[in-house]
N, C-alpha and C. Protein backbone atom coordinates (compact mmCIF):
# COMPACT_ATOMS: atom_id res chain seq x y z
N MET A 1 36.19 92.89 66.42
CA MET A 1 37.53 93.20 66.76
C MET A 1 37.53 93.89 68.13
N PRO A 2 38.50 93.52 69.03
CA PRO A 2 38.53 94.14 70.35
C PRO A 2 38.85 95.60 70.26
N ASP A 3 38.26 96.32 71.27
CA ASP A 3 38.52 97.76 71.34
C ASP A 3 39.98 98.06 71.72
N LYS A 4 40.56 97.19 72.60
CA LYS A 4 41.92 97.39 73.09
C LYS A 4 42.89 96.52 72.24
N GLU A 5 44.01 97.07 71.95
CA GLU A 5 45.08 96.38 71.18
C GLU A 5 45.56 95.16 72.01
N LEU A 6 45.94 94.11 71.34
CA LEU A 6 46.42 92.96 72.03
C LEU A 6 47.84 93.23 72.65
N TYR A 7 48.57 94.14 71.95
CA TYR A 7 49.91 94.45 72.49
C TYR A 7 50.30 95.87 72.03
N ASN A 8 51.28 96.41 72.71
CA ASN A 8 51.76 97.76 72.38
C ASN A 8 53.25 97.73 72.42
N ILE A 9 53.89 98.23 71.39
CA ILE A 9 55.37 98.26 71.32
C ILE A 9 55.81 99.71 71.35
N THR A 10 56.74 100.05 72.27
CA THR A 10 57.28 101.36 72.39
C THR A 10 58.79 101.31 72.33
N LEU A 11 59.38 102.20 71.59
CA LEU A 11 60.86 102.31 71.56
C LEU A 11 61.28 103.43 72.42
N GLU A 12 62.15 103.13 73.34
CA GLU A 12 62.64 104.17 74.36
C GLU A 12 64.15 104.01 74.47
N ASN A 13 64.85 105.03 73.93
CA ASN A 13 66.31 104.98 73.80
C ASN A 13 66.75 103.66 73.17
N GLN A 14 67.51 102.84 73.88
CA GLN A 14 67.94 101.55 73.32
C GLN A 14 67.01 100.38 73.69
N ASP A 15 65.92 100.70 74.29
CA ASP A 15 65.05 99.64 74.78
C ASP A 15 63.77 99.48 73.90
N ILE A 16 63.29 98.25 73.76
CA ILE A 16 62.01 98.02 73.18
C ILE A 16 61.10 97.55 74.31
N ILE A 17 60.00 98.21 74.49
CA ILE A 17 59.07 97.90 75.53
C ILE A 17 57.82 97.33 74.92
N ILE A 18 57.46 96.15 75.31
CA ILE A 18 56.29 95.43 74.81
C ILE A 18 55.33 95.21 75.96
N ARG A 19 54.14 95.69 75.80
CA ARG A 19 53.11 95.51 76.84
C ARG A 19 51.96 94.73 76.28
N PHE A 20 51.51 93.76 77.08
CA PHE A 20 50.34 93.00 76.70
C PHE A 20 49.71 92.43 77.97
N ASN A 21 48.47 92.06 77.92
CA ASN A 21 47.76 91.51 79.08
C ASN A 21 48.39 90.14 79.42
N ARG A 22 48.66 89.98 80.69
CA ARG A 22 49.33 88.71 81.10
C ARG A 22 48.50 87.48 80.88
N ASN A 23 47.17 87.66 80.60
CA ASN A 23 46.35 86.48 80.31
C ASN A 23 46.47 85.99 78.84
N ILE A 24 47.18 86.71 78.04
CA ILE A 24 47.35 86.34 76.63
C ILE A 24 48.37 85.19 76.52
N LEU A 25 49.37 85.17 77.35
CA LEU A 25 50.50 84.27 77.16
C LEU A 25 50.91 83.75 78.54
N ALA A 26 51.11 82.44 78.68
CA ALA A 26 51.65 81.90 79.91
C ALA A 26 53.11 82.32 80.12
N GLN A 27 53.41 82.59 81.37
CA GLN A 27 54.80 83.05 81.70
C GLN A 27 55.86 82.12 81.17
N GLU A 28 55.56 80.79 81.25
CA GLU A 28 56.54 79.78 80.78
C GLU A 28 56.76 79.98 79.32
N SER A 29 55.74 80.19 78.55
CA SER A 29 55.89 80.39 77.09
C SER A 29 56.71 81.68 76.79
N LEU A 30 56.41 82.70 77.54
CA LEU A 30 57.14 83.93 77.34
C LEU A 30 58.63 83.75 77.67
N THR A 31 58.92 83.01 78.77
CA THR A 31 60.27 82.76 79.15
C THR A 31 61.01 81.96 78.01
N LYS A 32 60.33 80.97 77.48
CA LYS A 32 60.98 80.18 76.40
C LYS A 32 61.22 81.07 75.17
N PHE A 33 60.29 81.95 74.85
CA PHE A 33 60.48 82.84 73.75
C PHE A 33 61.67 83.80 73.98
N LEU A 34 61.75 84.30 75.15
CA LEU A 34 62.91 85.27 75.44
C LEU A 34 64.19 84.51 75.43
N GLU A 35 64.20 83.28 75.92
CA GLU A 35 65.44 82.43 75.87
C GLU A 35 65.82 82.18 74.40
N TYR A 36 64.78 81.92 73.56
CA TYR A 36 65.05 81.70 72.13
C TYR A 36 65.71 83.00 71.54
N LEU A 37 65.14 84.14 71.86
CA LEU A 37 65.69 85.41 71.38
C LEU A 37 67.13 85.57 71.86
N GLU A 38 67.42 85.23 73.08
CA GLU A 38 68.80 85.34 73.59
C GLU A 38 69.74 84.44 72.80
N LEU A 39 69.34 83.23 72.59
CA LEU A 39 70.19 82.28 71.87
C LEU A 39 70.37 82.70 70.41
N GLU A 40 69.28 83.23 69.81
CA GLU A 40 69.40 83.69 68.41
C GLU A 40 70.34 84.88 68.32
N THR A 41 70.32 85.80 69.28
CA THR A 41 71.27 86.88 69.32
C THR A 41 72.68 86.43 69.36
N ILE A 42 72.93 85.43 70.25
CA ILE A 42 74.28 84.81 70.33
C ILE A 42 74.65 84.18 69.06
N ARG A 43 73.77 83.45 68.40
CA ARG A 43 74.05 82.80 67.14
C ARG A 43 74.41 83.77 66.04
N VAL A 44 73.70 84.86 65.94
CA VAL A 44 73.97 85.82 64.95
C VAL A 44 75.30 86.59 65.12
N ARG A 45 75.65 86.73 66.37
CA ARG A 45 76.94 87.42 66.68
C ARG A 45 78.12 86.51 66.62
N SER A 46 77.86 85.18 66.58
CA SER A 46 78.94 84.18 66.67
C SER A 46 79.72 84.15 65.34
N HIS A 47 81.01 83.92 65.52
CA HIS A 47 81.87 83.72 64.36
C HIS A 47 82.30 82.23 64.26
N LEU A 48 81.53 81.40 64.92
CA LEU A 48 81.84 79.95 64.88
C LEU A 48 81.45 79.37 63.55
N THR A 49 82.42 78.66 62.99
CA THR A 49 82.15 78.00 61.68
C THR A 49 81.36 76.73 61.90
N GLU A 50 80.75 76.17 60.89
CA GLU A 50 79.96 74.97 61.04
C GLU A 50 80.90 73.82 61.49
N GLU A 51 82.12 73.78 61.02
CA GLU A 51 83.05 72.73 61.39
C GLU A 51 83.40 72.85 62.90
N GLN A 52 83.60 74.08 63.38
CA GLN A 52 83.92 74.32 64.77
C GLN A 52 82.74 73.90 65.64
N ALA A 53 81.54 74.23 65.16
CA ALA A 53 80.31 73.87 65.90
C ALA A 53 80.13 72.33 65.99
N THR A 54 80.46 71.66 64.91
CA THR A 54 80.38 70.20 64.95
C THR A 54 81.35 69.62 65.90
N ILE A 55 82.59 70.12 65.93
CA ILE A 55 83.63 69.60 66.87
C ILE A 55 83.13 69.86 68.26
N LEU A 56 82.65 71.07 68.56
CA LEU A 56 82.16 71.42 69.89
C LEU A 56 81.01 70.50 70.29
N ALA A 57 80.12 70.25 69.41
CA ALA A 57 78.97 69.40 69.67
C ALA A 57 79.43 67.97 70.02
N ASP A 58 80.43 67.48 69.24
CA ASP A 58 80.96 66.15 69.52
C ASP A 58 81.61 66.10 70.85
N GLU A 59 82.35 67.15 71.29
CA GLU A 59 82.95 67.21 72.60
C GLU A 59 81.92 67.17 73.69
N ILE A 60 80.86 67.89 73.50
CA ILE A 60 79.73 67.95 74.46
C ILE A 60 79.12 66.59 74.60
N ASP A 61 78.82 65.98 73.43
CA ASP A 61 78.23 64.64 73.44
C ASP A 61 79.11 63.66 74.17
N HIS A 62 80.41 63.66 73.90
CA HIS A 62 81.35 62.75 74.53
C HIS A 62 81.40 62.96 76.07
N ASP A 63 81.44 64.24 76.50
CA ASP A 63 81.48 64.53 77.92
C ASP A 63 80.17 64.10 78.58
N MET A 64 79.05 64.34 77.95
CA MET A 64 77.77 63.96 78.50
C MET A 64 77.75 62.44 78.65
N TRP A 65 78.16 61.71 77.58
CA TRP A 65 78.16 60.27 77.65
C TRP A 65 78.99 59.73 78.82
N LEU A 66 80.12 60.35 79.08
CA LEU A 66 80.95 59.98 80.20
C LEU A 66 80.19 60.16 81.52
N LYS A 67 79.37 61.20 81.59
CA LYS A 67 78.64 61.48 82.84
C LYS A 67 77.52 60.50 83.09
N ILE A 68 76.90 60.04 82.02
CA ILE A 68 75.66 59.20 82.17
C ILE A 68 75.92 57.73 81.83
N LYS A 69 77.10 57.38 81.34
CA LYS A 69 77.44 56.07 80.89
C LYS A 69 77.07 55.00 81.91
N HIS A 70 77.34 55.28 83.18
CA HIS A 70 77.12 54.31 84.27
C HIS A 70 75.62 53.91 84.41
N LYS A 71 74.72 54.71 83.84
CA LYS A 71 73.29 54.40 83.91
C LYS A 71 72.92 53.37 82.89
N PHE A 72 73.72 53.22 81.82
CA PHE A 72 73.40 52.25 80.75
C PHE A 72 74.30 51.06 80.64
N VAL A 73 75.52 51.22 81.15
CA VAL A 73 76.50 50.11 81.02
C VAL A 73 76.77 49.58 82.37
N GLY A 74 76.67 48.24 82.55
CA GLY A 74 76.82 47.62 83.86
C GLY A 74 78.13 47.40 84.30
């Protein structure tokens, strides 16, 4: 077992401070993880119903299709 901890978590006021050696995790992976945490926080706080989410997703799909349609249809 290593002498040094792999990570250290400190609570300071409203902040959580996590320290670990930068060689443990690629910055890209850390960025993806933090983006996931941000999205999960938004999801938890959201009052969007499943039906509203489905409607929104359909609207996004439709708008995206209008933007890329020319690439697939002659």
